[in-house]
Amino acid sequence: MPAAASEALTVALTDACHDPISATEPYGEDDGVMRMIVTEHSFAVLLVGQALKTITVLQINYLG
């Protein structure tokens, strides 16, 4: 992934760590658990654990 695309995704993931619901979009049904980050050049699917305050990155795609 080019540096600019990687940096944008890194910033978006950092934002998601601080406030996962407002920094992400629902992935499918809005259950507050499966979330996604969409930047200009990437897409990431996240699993948000509310009880332990964790974020697990399930998938990252570079869109080119």
N, C-alpha and C. Protein backbone atom coordinates (compact mmCIF):
# COMPACT_ATOMS: atom_id res chain seq x y z
N MET A 1 0.85 -1.16 0.00
CA MET A 1 0.00 0.00 0.00
C MET A 1 0.90 1.23 0.00
N PRO A 2 0.64 2.18 -0.88
CA PRO A 2 1.44 3.41 -0.90
C PRO A 2 1.37 4.18 0.43
N ALA A 3 2.38 4.96 0.68
CA ALA A 3 2.50 5.67 1.96
C ALA A 3 1.30 6.55 2.26
N ALA A 4 0.79 7.30 1.30
CA ALA A 4 -0.34 8.20 1.55
C ALA A 4 -1.60 7.42 1.94
N ALA A 5 -1.86 6.32 1.25
CA ALA A 5 -3.03 5.49 1.57
C ALA A 5 -2.87 4.84 2.94
N SER A 6 -1.67 4.39 3.24
CA SER A 6 -1.39 3.79 4.54
C SER A 6 -1.56 4.80 5.67
N GLU A 7 -1.10 6.00 5.45
CA GLU A 7 -1.23 7.05 6.47
C GLU A 7 -2.69 7.39 6.73
N ALA A 8 -3.49 7.50 5.68
CA ALA A 8 -4.92 7.81 5.84
C ALA A 8 -5.62 6.70 6.62
N LEU A 9 -5.29 5.46 6.33
CA LEU A 9 -5.88 4.34 7.06
C LEU A 9 -5.42 4.33 8.51
N THR A 10 -4.17 4.63 8.74
CA THR A 10 -3.64 4.68 10.11
C THR A 10 -4.35 5.74 10.94
N VAL A 11 -4.57 6.91 10.35
CA VAL A 11 -5.29 7.99 11.05
C VAL A 11 -6.72 7.55 11.35
N ALA A 12 -7.38 6.92 10.39
CA ALA A 12 -8.76 6.47 10.58
C ALA A 12 -8.83 5.39 11.67
N LEU A 13 -7.87 4.48 11.69
CA LEU A 13 -7.84 3.45 12.73
C LEU A 13 -7.57 4.06 14.11
N THR A 14 -6.72 5.06 14.16
CA THR A 14 -6.46 5.76 15.43
C THR A 14 -7.74 6.43 15.94
N ASP A 15 -8.46 7.09 15.05
CA ASP A 15 -9.73 7.69 15.43
C ASP A 15 -10.71 6.64 15.94
N ALA A 16 -10.74 5.48 15.28
CA ALA A 16 -11.63 4.40 15.70
C ALA A 16 -11.27 3.87 17.08
N CYS A 17 -9.99 3.88 17.42
CA CYS A 17 -9.59 3.44 18.74
C CYS A 17 -10.13 4.35 19.83
N HIS A 18 -10.24 5.63 19.54
CA HIS A 18 -10.73 6.60 20.52
C HIS A 18 -12.25 6.63 20.60
N ASP A 19 -12.94 6.48 19.48
CA ASP A 19 -14.40 6.50 19.44
C ASP A 19 -14.88 5.63 18.28
N PRO A 20 -14.97 4.32 18.50
CA PRO A 20 -15.23 3.40 17.39
C PRO A 20 -16.57 3.60 16.68
N ILE A 21 -17.58 4.06 17.37
CA ILE A 21 -18.89 4.18 16.73
C ILE A 21 -18.95 5.42 15.83
N SER A 22 -18.48 6.55 16.29
CA SER A 22 -18.58 7.76 15.46
C SER A 22 -17.51 7.81 14.37
N ALA A 23 -16.40 7.09 14.55
CA ALA A 23 -15.31 7.12 13.56
C ALA A 23 -15.46 6.07 12.47
N THR A 24 -16.49 5.23 12.59
CA THR A 24 -16.69 4.14 11.62
C THR A 24 -18.12 4.16 11.12
N GLU A 25 -18.38 3.28 10.16
CA GLU A 25 -19.73 3.12 9.60
C GLU A 25 -20.19 1.69 9.85
N PRO A 26 -21.51 1.49 9.95
CA PRO A 26 -22.00 0.12 10.13
C PRO A 26 -21.60 -0.77 8.95
N TYR A 27 -21.32 -2.01 9.26
CA TYR A 27 -21.04 -3.03 8.24
C TYR A 27 -22.24 -3.97 8.25
N GLY A 28 -23.12 -3.81 7.27
CA GLY A 28 -24.37 -4.58 7.28
C GLY A 28 -25.34 -3.94 8.25
N GLU A 29 -25.99 -4.76 9.07
CA GLU A 29 -26.93 -4.26 10.07
C GLU A 29 -26.16 -3.51 11.15
N ASP A 30 -26.69 -2.38 11.59
CA ASP A 30 -25.99 -1.57 12.58
C ASP A 30 -26.17 -2.18 13.97
N ASP A 31 -25.28 -3.11 14.31
CA ASP A 31 -25.34 -3.77 15.61
C ASP A 31 -24.30 -3.22 16.57
N GLY A 32 -23.48 -2.26 16.11
CA GLY A 32 -22.46 -1.67 16.96
C GLY A 32 -21.24 -2.55 17.14
N VAL A 33 -21.21 -3.71 16.49
CA VAL A 33 -20.11 -4.64 16.64
C VAL A 33 -19.29 -4.73 15.36
N MET A 34 -19.94 -5.01 14.25
CA MET A 34 -19.26 -5.07 12.96
C MET A 34 -19.28 -3.68 12.35
N ARG A 35 -18.11 -3.11 12.15
CA ARG A 35 -18.00 -1.74 11.67
C ARG A 35 -17.02 -1.71 10.50
N MET A 36 -17.01 -0.62 9.76
CA MET A 36 -16.05 -0.47 8.66
C MET A 36 -15.50 0.94 8.61
N ILE A 37 -14.31 1.01 8.08
CA ILE A 37 -13.65 2.28 7.80
C ILE A 37 -13.46 2.33 6.29
N VAL A 38 -13.87 3.43 5.70
CA VAL A 38 -13.69 3.61 4.26
C VAL A 38 -12.92 4.91 4.06
N THR A 39 -11.74 4.81 3.45
CA THR A 39 -10.98 5.99 3.08
C THR A 39 -10.96 6.06 1.56
N GLU A 40 -10.30 7.03 1.02
CA GLU A 40 -10.25 7.20 -0.43
C GLU A 40 -9.63 5.98 -1.12
N HIS A 41 -8.64 5.35 -0.49
CA HIS A 41 -7.92 4.26 -1.13
C HIS A 41 -7.94 2.94 -0.37
N SER A 42 -8.72 2.85 0.71
CA SER A 42 -8.74 1.59 1.46
C SER A 42 -10.09 1.38 2.14
N PHE A 43 -10.27 0.14 2.55
CA PHE A 43 -11.49 -0.29 3.20
C PHE A 43 -11.08 -1.29 4.28
N ALA A 44 -11.59 -1.13 5.49
CA ALA A 44 -11.25 -2.06 6.57
C ALA A 44 -12.52 -2.48 7.30
N VAL A 45 -12.59 -3.75 7.65
CA VAL A 45 -13.70 -4.28 8.44
C VAL A 45 -13.18 -4.52 9.85
N LEU A 46 -13.93 -4.03 10.82
CA LEU A 46 -13.52 -4.10 12.22
C LEU A 46 -14.55 -4.83 13.06
N LEU A 47 -14.08 -5.49 14.10
CA LEU A 47 -14.93 -6.08 15.11
C LEU A 47 -14.70 -5.27 16.38
N VAL A 48 -15.73 -4.60 16.87
CA VAL A 48 -15.61 -3.73 18.03
C VAL A 48 -16.12 -4.47 19.26
N GLY A 49 -15.24 -4.62 20.23
CA GLY A 49 -15.62 -5.27 21.50
C GLY A 49 -15.90 -4.20 22.54
N GLN A 50 -17.17 -4.00 22.83
CA GLN A 50 -17.57 -2.94 23.77
C GLN A 50 -17.14 -3.26 25.21
N ALA A 51 -17.30 -4.50 25.64
CA ALA A 51 -17.02 -4.85 27.04
C ALA A 51 -15.54 -4.66 27.38
N LEU A 52 -14.66 -5.13 26.51
CA LEU A 52 -13.23 -5.02 26.79
C LEU A 52 -12.58 -3.83 26.09
N LYS A 53 -13.39 -3.06 25.37
CA LYS A 53 -12.90 -1.89 24.63
C LYS A 53 -11.75 -2.27 23.70
N THR A 54 -12.04 -3.23 22.81
CA THR A 54 -11.06 -3.69 21.85
C THR A 54 -11.56 -3.50 20.43
N ILE A 55 -10.63 -3.41 19.51
CA ILE A 55 -10.93 -3.38 18.08
C ILE A 55 -10.05 -4.43 17.42
N THR A 56 -10.69 -5.31 16.67
CA THR A 56 -9.97 -6.33 15.92
C THR A 56 -10.15 -6.04 14.44
N VAL A 57 -9.06 -5.90 13.72
CA VAL A 57 -9.13 -5.67 12.28
C VAL A 57 -9.29 -7.02 11.61
N LEU A 58 -10.41 -7.21 10.92
CA LEU A 58 -10.70 -8.48 10.27
C LEU A 58 -10.23 -8.51 8.82
N GLN A 59 -10.25 -7.35 8.18
CA GLN A 59 -9.90 -7.31 6.75
C GLN A 59 -9.47 -5.91 6.39
N ILE A 60 -8.46 -5.82 5.52
CA ILE A 60 -8.05 -4.53 4.93
C ILE A 60 -7.90 -4.76 3.44
N ASN A 61 -8.53 -3.89 2.65
CA ASN A 61 -8.41 -3.94 1.20
C ASN A 61 -7.86 -2.60 0.71
N TYR A 62 -6.90 -2.68 -0.17
CA TYR A 62 -6.39 -1.49 -0.84
C TYR A 62 -7.17 -1.34 -2.14
N LEU A 63 -7.79 -0.19 -2.33
CA LEU A 63 -8.67 0.03 -3.47
C LEU A 63 -7.97 0.62 -4.67
N GLY A 64 -6.76 1.06 -4.49
CA GLY A 64 -5.98 1.56 -5.63
C GLY A 64 -6.22 2.93 -6.02
